[in-house]
Amino acid sequence: MSTKEEVTIEYERQDERAEEGVIVPHNRISPEALRKMAEEFVTRDWSESADAGRTLDEKIDQVIQQLENKKAKVVFDLTTETCNIVPVDSMKKVDSGRT
């Protein structure tokens, strides 16, 4: 039996709402899908000024390394039914026993 860990992700969004989601262990995602997810994250959220000298592959590898080092997590957003990669320090656990 697996336990679901619900979290609230607090980071800047254009609509000012926090996402609510379920953490998906990155090792349960196929390597190909995880790499595509990291690529989408990098091309969408990576600051152009941050690590400007790095290649796309280096940025993707850095995101995957952060997932492996537990500095970031994959979260399935229950509202939008999408997955996202988020920094651990932007998440807080919520009581999953709420009604």
PDB file of N, CA and C in Angstrom:
ATOM      1  N   MET A   1       0.850  -1.173   0.000  1.00  0.00           N
ATOM      2  CA  MET A   1       0.000   0.000   0.000  1.00  0.00           C
ATOM      3  C   MET A   1       0.895   1.235   0.000  1.00  0.00           C
ATOM      4  N   SER A   2       0.611   2.189  -0.873  1.00  0.00           N
ATOM      5  CA  SER A   2       1.425   3.403  -0.914  1.00  0.00           C
ATOM      6  C   SER A   2       0.685   4.539  -0.220  1.00  0.00           C
ATOM      7  N   THR A   3       1.447   5.414   0.387  1.00  0.00           N
ATOM      8  CA  THR A   3       0.850   6.572   1.038  1.00  0.00           C
ATOM      9  C   THR A   3       1.022   7.779   0.149  1.00  0.00           C
ATOM     10  N   LYS A   4       0.019   8.597   0.094  1.00  0.00           N
ATOM     11  CA  LYS A   4       0.079   9.815  -0.700  1.00  0.00           C
ATOM     12  C   LYS A   4       0.425  10.959   0.223  1.00  0.00           C
ATOM     13  N   GLU A   5       1.356  11.770  -0.200  1.00  0.00           N
ATOM     14  CA  GLU A   5       1.779  12.907   0.583  1.00  0.00           C
ATOM     15  C   GLU A   5       1.279  14.170  -0.121  1.00  0.00           C
ATOM     16  N   GLU A   6       0.293  14.826   0.461  1.00  0.00           N
ATOM     17  CA  GLU A   6      -0.238  16.038  -0.133  1.00  0.00           C
ATOM     18  C   GLU A   6       0.569  17.231   0.347  1.00  0.00           C
ATOM     19  N   VAL A   7       0.791  18.155  -0.554  1.00  0.00           N
ATOM     20  CA  VAL A   7       1.558  19.342  -0.229  1.00  0.00           C
ATOM     21  C   VAL A   7       0.886  20.562  -0.835  1.00  0.00           C
ATOM     22  N   THR A   8       1.200  21.697  -0.271  1.00  0.00           N
ATOM     23  CA  THR A   8       0.833  22.966  -0.877  1.00  0.00           C
ATOM     24  C   THR A   8       2.117  23.582  -1.380  1.00  0.00           C
ATOM     25  N   ILE A   9       2.136  24.007  -2.611  1.00  0.00           N
ATOM     26  CA  ILE A   9       3.324  24.598  -3.194  1.00  0.00           C
ATOM     27  C   ILE A   9       3.141  26.100  -3.202  1.00  0.00           C
ATOM     28  N   GLU A  10       4.046  26.781  -2.519  1.00  0.00           N
ATOM     29  CA  GLU A  10       3.951  28.227  -2.427  1.00  0.00           C
ATOM     30  C   GLU A  10       5.091  28.861  -3.194  1.00  0.00           C
ATOM     31  N   TYR A  11       4.799  29.400  -4.335  1.00  0.00           N
ATOM     32  CA  TYR A  11       5.757  30.158  -5.101  1.00  0.00           C
ATOM     33  C   TYR A  11       4.970  31.111  -5.975  1.00  0.00           C
ATOM     34  N   GLU A  12       5.647  32.052  -6.575  1.00  0.00           N
ATOM     35  CA  GLU A  12       4.924  33.057  -7.338  1.00  0.00           C
ATOM     36  C   GLU A  12       4.234  32.439  -8.545  1.00  0.00           C
ATOM     37  N   ARG A  13       2.965  32.715  -8.644  1.00  0.00           N
ATOM     38  CA  ARG A  13       2.176  32.318  -9.803  1.00  0.00           C
ATOM     39  C   ARG A  13       1.461  33.554 -10.292  1.00  0.00           C
ATOM     40  N   GLN A  14       1.152  33.597 -11.555  1.00  0.00           N
ATOM     41  CA  GLN A  14       0.484  34.768 -12.104  1.00  0.00           C
ATOM     42  C   GLN A  14      -0.896  34.969 -11.508  1.00  0.00           C
ATOM     43  N   ASP A  15      -1.578  33.892 -11.132  1.00  0.00           N
ATOM     44  CA  ASP A  15      -2.935  34.033 -10.609  1.00  0.00           C
ATOM     45  C   ASP A  15      -2.968  34.092  -9.086  1.00  0.00           C
ATOM     46  N   GLU A  16      -1.789  34.138  -8.431  1.00  0.00           N
ATOM     47  CA  GLU A  16      -1.670  34.326  -6.983  1.00  0.00           C
ATOM     48  C   GLU A  16      -2.255  33.188  -6.146  1.00  0.00           C
ATOM     49  N   ARG A  17      -2.574  32.045  -6.729  1.00  0.00           N
ATOM     50  CA  ARG A  17      -3.079  30.907  -5.964  1.00  0.00           C
ATOM     51  C   ARG A  17      -1.954  29.921  -5.729  1.00  0.00           C
ATOM     52  N   ALA A  18      -2.029  29.221  -4.615  1.00  0.00           N
ATOM     53  CA  ALA A  18      -1.081  28.146  -4.365  1.00  0.00           C
ATOM     54  C   ALA A  18      -1.641  26.864  -4.967  1.00  0.00           C
ATOM     55  N   GLU A  19      -0.748  26.037  -5.490  1.00  0.00           N
ATOM     56  CA  GLU A  19      -1.166  24.745  -6.014  1.00  0.00           C
ATOM     57  C   GLU A  19      -1.303  23.759  -4.864  1.00  0.00           C
ATOM     58  N   GLU A  20      -2.163  22.773  -5.026  1.00  0.00           N
ATOM     59  CA  GLU A  20      -2.223  21.669  -4.088  1.00  0.00           C
ATOM     60  C   GLU A  20      -1.964  20.411  -4.890  1.00  0.00           C
ATOM     61  N   GLY A  21      -1.072  19.568  -4.379  1.00  0.00           N
ATOM     62  CA  GLY A  21      -0.726  18.410  -5.171  1.00  0.00           C
ATOM     63  C   GLY A  21      -0.209  17.249  -4.369  1.00  0.00           C
ATOM     64  N   VAL A  22       0.199  16.232  -5.096  1.00  0.00           N
ATOM     65  CA  VAL A  22       0.721  15.006  -4.533  1.00  0.00           C
ATOM     66  C   VAL A  22       2.144  14.830  -5.054  1.00  0.00           C
ATOM     67  N   ILE A  23       3.074  14.532  -4.147  1.00  0.00           N
ATOM     68  CA  ILE A  23       4.453  14.306  -4.544  1.00  0.00           C
ATOM     69  C   ILE A  23       4.544  12.980  -5.297  1.00  0.00           C
ATOM     70  N   VAL A  24       5.230  13.017  -6.436  1.00  0.00           N
ATOM     71  CA  VAL A  24       5.475  11.822  -7.236  1.00  0.00           C
ATOM     72  C   VAL A  24       6.974  11.528  -7.146  1.00  0.00           C
ATOM     73  N   PRO A  25       7.373  10.395  -6.568  1.00  0.00           N
ATOM     74  CA  PRO A  25       8.802  10.089  -6.486  1.00  0.00           C
ATOM     75  C   PRO A  25       9.427  10.071  -7.885  1.00  0.00           C
ATOM     76  N   HIS A  26      10.513  10.819  -8.052  1.00  0.00           N
ATOM     77  CA  HIS A  26      11.107  10.925  -9.381  1.00  0.00           C
ATOM     78  C   HIS A  26      11.619   9.584  -9.902  1.00  0.00           C
ATOM     79  N   ASN A  27      11.963   8.671  -8.998  1.00  0.00           N
ATOM     80  CA  ASN A  27      12.443   7.361  -9.438  1.00  0.00           C
ATOM     81  C   ASN A  27      11.310   6.450  -9.912  1.00  0.00           C
ATOM     82  N   ARG A  28      10.078   6.903  -9.794  1.00  0.00           N
ATOM     83  CA  ARG A  28       8.917   6.144 -10.305  1.00  0.00           C
ATOM     84  C   ARG A  28       8.523   6.614 -11.696  1.00  0.00           C
ATOM     85  N   ILE A  29       9.250   7.608 -12.207  1.00  0.00           N
ATOM     86  CA  ILE A  29       8.996   8.160 -13.538  1.00  0.00           C
ATOM     87  C   ILE A  29      10.072   7.626 -14.469  1.00  0.00           C
ATOM     88  N   SER A  30       9.698   7.227 -15.674  1.00  0.00           N
ATOM     89  CA  SER A  30      10.698   6.696 -16.604  1.00  0.00           C
ATOM     90  C   SER A  30      11.775   7.750 -16.864  1.00  0.00           C
ATOM     91  N   PRO A  31      13.020   7.320 -17.078  1.00  0.00           N
ATOM     92  CA  PRO A  31      14.100   8.282 -17.334  1.00  0.00           C
ATOM     93  C   PRO A  31      13.805   9.223 -18.506  1.00  0.00           C
ATOM     94  N   GLU A  32      13.172   8.693 -19.541  1.00  0.00           N
ATOM     95  CA  GLU A  32      12.851   9.523 -20.706  1.00  0.00           C
ATOM     96  C   GLU A  32      11.827  10.599 -20.353  1.00  0.00           C
ATOM     97  N   ALA A  33      10.784  10.197 -19.621  1.00  0.00           N
ATOM     98  CA  ALA A  33       9.749  11.158 -19.227  1.00  0.00           C
ATOM     99  C   ALA A  33      10.307  12.197 -18.249  1.00  0.00           C
ATOM    100  N   LEU A  34      11.162  11.749 -17.325  1.00  0.00           N
ATOM    101  CA  LEU A  34      11.758  12.672 -16.366  1.00  0.00           C
ATOM    102  C   LEU A  34      12.643  13.695 -17.073  1.00  0.00           C
ATOM    103  N   ARG A  35      13.410  13.246 -18.043  1.00  0.00           N
ATOM    104  CA  ARG A  35      14.278  14.165 -18.799  1.00  0.00           C
ATOM    105  C   ARG A  35      13.432  15.182 -19.573  1.00  0.00           C
ATOM    106  N   LYS A  36      12.344  14.728 -20.191  1.00  0.00           N
ATOM    107  CA  LYS A  36      11.443  15.650 -20.913  1.00  0.00           C
ATOM    108  C   LYS A  36      10.813  16.652 -19.951  1.00  0.00           C
ATOM    109  N   MET A  37      10.442  16.180 -18.758  1.00  0.00           N
ATOM    110  CA  MET A  37       9.856  17.058 -17.751  1.00  0.00           C
ATOM    111  C   MET A  37      10.885  18.112 -17.312  1.00  0.00           C
ATOM    112  N   ALA A  38      12.123  17.682 -17.092  1.00  0.00           N
ATOM    113  CA  ALA A  38      13.184  18.609 -16.704  1.00  0.00           C
ATOM    114  C   ALA A  38      13.468  19.604 -17.838  1.00  0.00           C
ATOM    115  N   GLU A  39      13.444  19.132 -19.074  1.00  0.00           N
ATOM    116  CA  GLU A  39      13.665  20.016 -20.222  1.00  0.00           C
ATOM    117  C   GLU A  39      12.570  21.081 -20.311  1.00  0.00           C
ATOM    118  N   GLU A  40      11.336  20.666 -20.120  1.00  0.00           N
ATOM    119  CA  GLU A  40      10.221  21.621 -20.151  1.00  0.00           C
ATOM    120  C   GLU A  40      10.369  22.632 -19.024  1.00  0.00           C
ATOM    121  N   PHE A  41      10.748  22.170 -17.840  1.00  0.00           N
ATOM    122  CA  PHE A  41      10.946  23.051 -16.697  1.00  0.00           C
ATOM    123  C   PHE A  41      12.050  24.069 -16.991  1.00  0.00           C
ATOM    124  N   VAL A  42      13.170  23.602 -17.502  1.00  0.00           N
ATOM    125  CA  VAL A  42      14.310  24.481 -17.777  1.00  0.00           C
ATOM    126  C   VAL A  42      13.944  25.530 -18.824  1.00  0.00           C
ATOM    127  N   THR A  43      13.291  25.125 -19.882  1.00  0.00           N
ATOM    128  CA  THR A  43      12.977  26.079 -20.948  1.00  0.00           C
ATOM    129  C   THR A  43      11.856  27.033 -20.546  1.00  0.00           C
ATOM    130  N   ARG A  44      11.048  26.651 -19.567  1.00  0.00           N
ATOM    131  CA  ARG A  44       9.954  27.507 -19.111  1.00  0.00           C
ATOM    132  C   ARG A  44      10.375  28.415 -17.961  1.00  0.00           C
ATOM    133  N   ASP A  45      11.097  27.864 -16.967  1.00  0.00           N
ATOM    134  CA  ASP A  45      11.329  28.576 -15.717  1.00  0.00           C
ATOM    135  C   ASP A  45      12.759  29.037 -15.478  1.00  0.00           C
ATOM    136  N   TRP A  46      13.690  28.634 -16.302  1.00  0.00           N
ATOM    137  CA  TRP A  46      15.091  28.968 -16.035  1.00  0.00           C
ATOM    138  C   TRP A  46      15.360  30.417 -16.379  1.00  0.00           C
ATOM    139  N   SER A  47      15.940  31.148 -15.456  1.00  0.00           N
ATOM    140  CA  SER A  47      16.300  32.552 -15.690  1.00  0.00           C
ATOM    141  C   SER A  47      17.426  32.616 -16.704  1.00  0.00           C
ATOM    142  N   GLU A  48      17.291  33.465 -17.684  1.00  0.00           N
ATOM    143  CA  GLU A  48      18.318  33.615 -18.712  1.00  0.00           C
ATOM    144  C   GLU A  48      19.637  34.089 -18.115  1.00  0.00           C
ATOM    145  N   SER A  49      19.568  34.889 -17.057  1.00  0.00           N
ATOM    146  CA  SER A  49      20.792  35.406 -16.454  1.00  0.00           C
ATOM    147  C   SER A  49      21.484  34.378 -15.573  1.00  0.00           C
ATOM    148  N   ALA A  50      20.730  33.411 -15.070  1.00  0.00           N
ATOM    149  CA  ALA A  50      21.309  32.382 -14.208  1.00  0.00           C
ATOM    150  C   ALA A  50      22.009  31.332 -15.065  1.00  0.00           C
ATOM    151  N   ASP A  51      23.266  31.079 -14.765  1.00  0.00           N
ATOM    152  CA  ASP A  51      24.031  30.055 -15.481  1.00  0.00           C
ATOM    153  C   ASP A  51      23.970  30.231 -16.992  1.00  0.00           C
ATOM    154  N   ALA A  52      24.121  31.451 -17.458  1.00  0.00           N
ATOM    155  CA  ALA A  52      24.023  31.740 -18.884  1.00  0.00           C
ATOM    156  C   ALA A  52      25.031  30.945 -19.708  1.00  0.00           C
ATOM    157  N   GLY A  53      26.130  30.535 -19.084  1.00  0.00           N
ATOM    158  CA  GLY A  53      27.151  29.791 -19.807  1.00  0.00           C
ATOM    159  C   GLY A  53      26.882  28.312 -19.923  1.00  0.00           C
ATOM    160  N   ARG A  54      25.810  27.828 -19.347  1.00  0.00           N
ATOM    161  CA  ARG A  54      25.502  26.393 -19.375  1.00  0.00           C
ATOM    162  C   ARG A  54      24.660  26.035 -20.598  1.00  0.00           C
ATOM    163  N   THR A  55      24.883  24.827 -21.092  1.00  0.00           N
ATOM    164  CA  THR A  55      24.086  24.325 -22.209  1.00  0.00           C
ATOM    165  C   THR A  55      22.743  23.828 -21.682  1.00  0.00           C
ATOM    166  N   LEU A  56      21.820  23.590 -22.579  1.00  0.00           N
ATOM    167  CA  LEU A  56      20.512  23.055 -22.196  1.00  0.00           C
ATOM    168  C   LEU A  56      20.681  21.713 -21.489  1.00  0.00           C
ATOM    169  N   ASP A  57      21.541  20.843 -22.024  1.00  0.00           N
ATOM    170  CA  ASP A  57      21.761  19.534 -21.398  1.00  0.00           C
ATOM    171  C   ASP A  57      22.327  19.673 -19.993  1.00  0.00           C
ATOM    172  N   GLU A  58      23.228  20.634 -19.784  1.00  0.00           N
ATOM    173  CA  GLU A  58      23.789  20.846 -18.447  1.00  0.00           C
ATOM    174  C   GLU A  58      22.715  21.323 -17.475  1.00  0.00           C
ATOM    175  N   LYS A  59      21.823  22.181 -17.930  1.00  0.00           N
ATOM    176  CA  LYS A  59      20.738  22.674 -17.080  1.00  0.00           C
ATOM    177  C   LYS A  59      19.777  21.539 -16.730  1.00  0.00           C
ATOM    178  N   ILE A  60      19.463  20.692 -17.711  1.00  0.00           N
ATOM    179  CA  ILE A  60      18.581  19.550 -17.469  1.00  0.00           C
ATOM    180  C   ILE A  60      19.222  18.602 -16.458  1.00  0.00           C
ATOM    181  N   ASP A  61      20.509  18.318 -16.645  1.00  0.00           N
ATOM    182  CA  ASP A  61      21.222  17.445 -15.709  1.00  0.00           C
ATOM    183  C   ASP A  61      21.241  18.034 -14.309  1.00  0.00           C
ATOM    184  N   GLN A  62      21.362  19.354 -14.207  1.00  0.00           N
ATOM    185  CA  GLN A  62      21.371  20.008 -12.897  1.00  0.00           C
ATOM    186  C   GLN A  62      20.016  19.830 -12.197  1.00  0.00           C
ATOM    187  N   VAL A  63      18.919  19.964 -12.934  1.00  0.00           N
ATOM    188  CA  VAL A  63      17.583  19.777 -12.357  1.00  0.00           C
ATOM    189  C   VAL A  63      17.410  18.335 -11.894  1.00  0.00           C
ATOM    190  N   ILE A  64      17.826  17.382 -12.716  1.00  0.00           N
ATOM    191  CA  ILE A  64      17.715  15.971 -12.331  1.00  0.00           C
ATOM    192  C   ILE A  64      18.566  15.694 -11.101  1.00  0.00           C
ATOM    193  N   GLN A  65      19.748  16.298 -11.025  1.00  0.00           N
ATOM    194  CA  GLN A  65      20.600  16.129  -9.843  1.00  0.00           C
ATOM    195  C   GLN A  65      19.915  16.694  -8.600  1.00  0.00           C
ATOM    196  N   GLN A  66      19.225  17.819  -8.734  1.00  0.00           N
ATOM    197  CA  GLN A  66      18.501  18.392  -7.598  1.00  0.00           C
ATOM    198  C   GLN A  66      17.381  17.457  -7.145  1.00  0.00           C
ATOM    199  N   LEU A  67      16.733  16.784  -8.084  1.00  0.00           N
ATOM    200  CA  LEU A  67      15.721  15.795  -7.720  1.00  0.00           C
ATOM    201  C   LEU A  67      16.361  14.635  -6.964  1.00  0.00           C
ATOM    202  N   GLU A  68      17.499  14.159  -7.450  1.00  0.00           N
ATOM    203  CA  GLU A  68      18.181  13.044  -6.793  1.00  0.00           C
ATOM    204  C   GLU A  68      18.709  13.431  -5.414  1.00  0.00           C
ATOM    205  N   ASN A  69      19.110  14.704  -5.248  1.00  0.00           N
ATOM    206  CA  ASN A  69      19.615  15.186  -3.955  1.00  0.00           C
ATOM    207  C   ASN A  69      18.505  15.659  -3.023  1.00  0.00           C
ATOM    208  N   LYS A  70      17.252  15.467  -3.448  1.00  0.00           N
ATOM    209  CA  LYS A  70      16.069  15.833  -2.660  1.00  0.00           C
ATOM    210  C   LYS A  70      15.984  17.331  -2.373  1.00  0.00           C
ATOM    211  N   LYS A  71      16.511  18.138  -3.282  1.00  0.00           N
ATOM    212  CA  LYS A  71      16.389  19.591  -3.182  1.00  0.00           C
ATOM    213  C   LYS A  71      15.200  20.083  -3.993  1.00  0.00           C
ATOM    214  N   ALA A  72      14.647  19.197  -4.829  1.00  0.00           N
ATOM    215  CA  ALA A  72      13.454  19.490  -5.627  1.00  0.00           C
ATOM    216  C   ALA A  72      12.623  18.213  -5.688  1.00  0.00           C
ATOM    217  N   LYS A  73      11.343  18.387  -5.973  1.00  0.00           N
ATOM    218  CA  LYS A  73      10.433  17.242  -6.072  1.00  0.00           C
ATOM    219  C   LYS A  73       9.513  17.427  -7.270  1.00  0.00           C
ATOM    220  N   VAL A  74       9.004  16.305  -7.753  1.00  0.00           N
ATOM    221  CA  VAL A  74       7.978  16.323  -8.791  1.00  0.00           C
ATOM    222  C   VAL A  74       6.639  16.287  -8.071  1.00  0.00           C
ATOM    223  N   VAL A  75       5.760  17.216  -8.429  1.00  0.00           N
ATOM    224  CA  VAL A  75       4.445  17.296  -7.800  1.00  0.00           C
ATOM    225  C   VAL A  75       3.372  17.278  -8.878  1.00  0.00           C
ATOM    226  N   PHE A  76       2.366  16.431  -8.665  1.00  0.00           N
ATOM    227  CA  PHE A  76       1.199  16.413  -9.536  1.00  0.00           C
ATOM    228  C   PHE A  76       0.184  17.371  -8.938  1.00  0.00           C
ATOM    229  N   ASP A  77      -0.156  18.417  -9.667  1.00  0.00           N
ATOM    230  CA  ASP A  77      -1.105  19.432  -9.206  1.00  0.00           C
ATOM    231  C   ASP A  77      -2.524  18.901  -9.396  1.00  0.00           C
ATOM    232  N   LEU A  78      -3.247  18.790  -8.290  1.00  0.00           N
ATOM    233  CA  LEU A  78      -4.608  18.239  -8.327  1.00  0.00           C
ATOM    234  C   LEU A  78      -5.595  19.172  -9.016  1.00  0.00           C
ATOM    235  N   THR A  79      -5.291  20.464  -9.028  1.00  0.00           N
ATOM    236  CA  THR A  79      -6.200  21.426  -9.643  1.00  0.00           C
ATOM    237  C   THR A  79      -6.081  21.419 -11.159  1.00  0.00           C
ATOM    238  N   THR A  80      -4.849  21.508 -11.651  1.00  0.00           N
ATOM    239  CA  THR A  80      -4.635  21.606 -13.103  1.00  0.00           C
ATOM    240  C   THR A  80      -4.365  20.257 -13.749  1.00  0.00           C
ATOM    241  N   GLU A  81      -4.174  19.216 -12.911  1.00  0.00           N
ATOM    242  CA  GLU A  81      -3.858  17.876 -13.387  1.00  0.00           C
ATOM    243  C   GLU A  81      -2.601  17.873 -14.256  1.00  0.00           C
ATOM    244  N   THR A  82      -1.577  18.595 -13.793  1.00  0.00           N
ATOM    245  CA  THR A  82      -0.292  18.658 -14.469  1.00  0.00           C
ATOM    246  C   THR A  82       0.814  18.370 -13.458  1.00  0.00           C
ATOM    247  N   CYS A  83       1.973  17.996 -13.959  1.00  0.00           N
ATOM    248  CA  CYS A  83       3.146  17.782 -13.109  1.00  0.00           C
ATOM    249  C   CYS A  83       4.064  18.983 -13.203  1.00  0.00           C
ATOM    250  N   ASN A  84       4.778  19.245 -12.120  1.00  0.00           N
ATOM    251  CA  ASN A  84       5.735  20.331 -12.097  1.00  0.00           C
ATOM    252  C   ASN A  84       6.890  19.926 -11.198  1.00  0.00           C
ATOM    253  N   ILE A  85       8.034  20.538 -11.432  1.00  0.00           N
ATOM    254  CA  ILE A  85       9.194  20.356 -10.567  1.00  0.00           C
ATOM    255  C   ILE A  85       9.276  21.598  -9.699  1.00  0.00           C
ATOM    256  N   VAL A  86       9.354  21.389  -8.390  1.00  0.00           N
ATOM    257  CA  VAL A  86       9.379  22.525  -7.469  1.00  0.00           C
ATOM    258  C   VAL A  86      10.490  22.347  -6.445  1.00  0.00           C
ATOM    259  N   PRO A  87      11.093  23.466  -6.011  1.00  0.00           N
ATOM    260  CA  PRO A  87      12.099  23.379  -4.948  1.00  0.00           C
ATOM    261  C   PRO A  87      11.451  22.937  -3.643  1.00  0.00           C
ATOM    262  N   VAL A  88      12.144  22.123  -2.876  1.00  0.00           N
ATOM    263  CA  VAL A  88      11.616  21.618  -1.619  1.00  0.00           C
ATOM    264  C   VAL A  88      11.306  22.769  -0.662  1.00  0.00           C
ATOM    265  N   ASP A  89      12.136  23.810  -0.664  1.00  0.00           N
ATOM    266  CA  ASP A  89      11.921  24.903   0.290  1.00  0.00           C
ATOM    267  C   ASP A  89      10.699  25.758  -0.035  1.00  0.00           C
ATOM    268  N   SER A  90      10.033  25.517  -1.163  1.00  0.00           N
ATOM    269  CA  SER A  90       8.812  26.265  -1.483  1.00  0.00           C
ATOM    270  C   SER A  90       7.551  25.463  -1.171  1.00  0.00           C
ATOM    271  N   MET A  91       7.720  24.309  -0.527  1.00  0.00           N
ATOM    272  CA  MET A  91       6.593  23.428  -0.242  1.00  0.00           C
ATOM    273  C   MET A  91       6.339  23.357   1.252  1.00  0.00           C
ATOM    274  N   LYS A  92       5.076  23.194   1.619  1.00  0.00           N
ATOM    275  CA  LYS A  92       4.740  22.889   3.004  1.00  0.00           C
ATOM    276  C   LYS A  92       3.696  21.799   2.996  1.00  0.00           C
ATOM    277  N   LYS A  93       3.801  20.894   3.965  1.00  0.00           N
ATOM    278  CA  LYS A  93       2.853  19.786   4.049  1.00  0.00           C
ATOM    279  C   LYS A  93       1.539  20.290   4.608  1.00  0.00           C
ATOM    280  N   VAL A  94       0.456  19.705   4.114  1.00  0.00           N
ATOM    281  CA  VAL A  94      -0.869  20.014   4.645  1.00  0.00           C
ATOM    282  C   VAL A  94      -1.460  18.730   5.192  1.00  0.00           C
ATOM    283  N   ASP A  95      -2.392  18.862   6.104  1.00  0.00           N
ATOM    284  CA  ASP A  95      -3.030  17.711   6.725  1.00  0.00           C
ATOM    285  C   ASP A  95      -3.879  16.989   5.694  1.00  0.00           C
ATOM    286  N   SER A  96      -3.497  15.760   5.358  1.00  0.00           N
ATOM    287  CA  SER A  96      -4.240  14.992   4.351  1.00  0.00           C
ATOM    288  C   SER A  96      -5.522  14.393   4.918  1.00  0.00           C
ATOM    289  N   GLY A  97      -5.754  14.526   6.227  1.00  0.00           N
ATOM    290  CA  GLY A  97      -6.962  14.003   6.848  1.00  0.00           C
ATOM    291  C   GLY A  97      -8.079  15.008   6.902  1.00  0.00           C
ATOM    292  N   ARG A  98      -7.895  16.155   6.226  1.00  0.00           N
ATOM    293  CA  ARG A  98      -8.933  17.179   6.274  1.00  0.00           C
ATOM    294  C   ARG A  98     -10.132  16.789   5.452  1.00  0.00           C
ATOM    295  N   THR A  99     -11.264  17.396   5.717  1.00  0.00           N
ATOM    296  CA  THR A  99     -12.494  17.058   4.986  1.00  0.00           C
ATOM    297  C   THR A  99     -12.849  18.135   4.017  1.00  0.00           C
TER     298      THR A  99
END
